[in-house]
């Protein structure tokens, strides 16, 4: 009778309980994906986009200028 009252700690172990381990791995993967997306969005927002103006020949512009 006393053996029934004492549950072993193996039921709470992540190696033996696949429901707990799959839930844990799901939450870890969701956290990892969200942190990567948030980090990338923050990096893109903070760096900004710098528009460059390349040198274009005058003869190949929209309104060309000939000599």
Protein backbone atom coordinates (compact mmCIF):
# COMPACT_ATOMS: atom_id res chain seq x y z
CA UNK A 1 0.00 0.00 0.00
CA UNK A 2 2.77 2.45 0.80
CA UNK A 3 4.34 1.75 -2.59
CA UNK A 4 1.26 3.12 -4.36
CA UNK A 5 1.47 6.46 -2.57
CA UNK A 6 5.08 7.17 -3.52
CA UNK A 7 5.30 7.91 -7.21
CA UNK A 8 8.76 7.76 -8.64
CA UNK A 9 10.30 10.89 -10.06
CA UNK A 10 10.60 9.17 -13.44
CA UNK A 11 7.12 10.36 -14.43
CA UNK A 12 8.34 13.95 -14.21
CA UNK A 13 11.57 13.27 -16.07
CA UNK A 14 11.85 14.65 -19.59
CA UNK A 15 13.54 11.49 -20.87
CA UNK A 16 10.73 9.13 -19.89
CA UNK A 17 7.64 11.30 -20.44
CA UNK A 18 7.27 12.05 -24.16
CA UNK A 19 4.30 14.39 -23.67
CA UNK A 20 6.28 16.70 -21.42
CA UNK A 21 9.34 16.54 -23.64
CA UNK A 22 7.41 17.28 -26.83
CA UNK A 23 5.65 20.22 -25.17
CA UNK A 24 9.00 21.52 -23.92
CA UNK A 25 10.62 21.17 -27.34
CA UNK A 26 7.64 22.88 -28.98
CA UNK A 27 7.89 25.89 -26.67
CA UNK A 28 11.67 26.07 -27.11
CA UNK A 29 11.34 26.00 -30.91
CA UNK A 30 8.59 28.66 -30.89
CA UNK A 31 10.72 30.87 -28.63
CA UNK A 32 13.77 30.38 -30.87
CA UNK A 33 11.87 31.23 -34.05
CA UNK A 34 10.23 34.30 -32.51
CA UNK A 35 13.53 35.56 -31.13
CA UNK A 36 15.24 35.14 -34.52
CA UNK A 37 12.43 36.97 -36.33
CA UNK A 38 12.37 39.77 -33.77
CA UNK A 39 16.15 40.11 -33.85
CA UNK A 40 16.23 40.27 -37.64
CA UNK A 41 13.42 42.84 -37.76
CA UNK A 42 15.19 44.96 -35.16
CA UNK A 43 18.46 44.79 -37.10
CA UNK A 44 16.77 45.77 -40.36
CA UNK A 45 14.86 48.61 -38.70
CA UNK A 46 17.91 50.01 -36.91
CA UNK A 47 20.24 49.85 -39.92
CA UNK A 48 17.75 51.40 -42.33
CA UNK A 49 18.03 51.57 -46.10
CA UNK A 50 20.51 53.94 -47.67
CA UNK A 51 19.62 54.83 -51.23
CA UNK A 52 22.65 55.36 -53.38
CA UNK A 53 22.77 57.50 -56.49
CA UNK A 54 25.00 55.83 -59.07
CA UNK A 55 26.81 57.81 -61.75
CA UNK A 56 24.89 57.59 -65.03
CA UNK A 57 26.19 58.68 -68.38
CA UNK A 58 24.41 61.72 -69.72
CA UNK A 59 23.59 59.99 -73.00
CA UNK A 60 21.72 57.16 -71.29
CA UNK A 61 19.48 59.24 -69.00
CA UNK A 62 15.70 59.56 -69.36
CA UNK A 63 16.21 62.92 -71.00
CA UNK A 64 19.56 62.49 -72.70
CA UNK A 65 21.94 65.38 -73.10
CA UNK A 66 24.05 65.24 -76.20
CA UNK A 67 27.18 67.24 -76.83
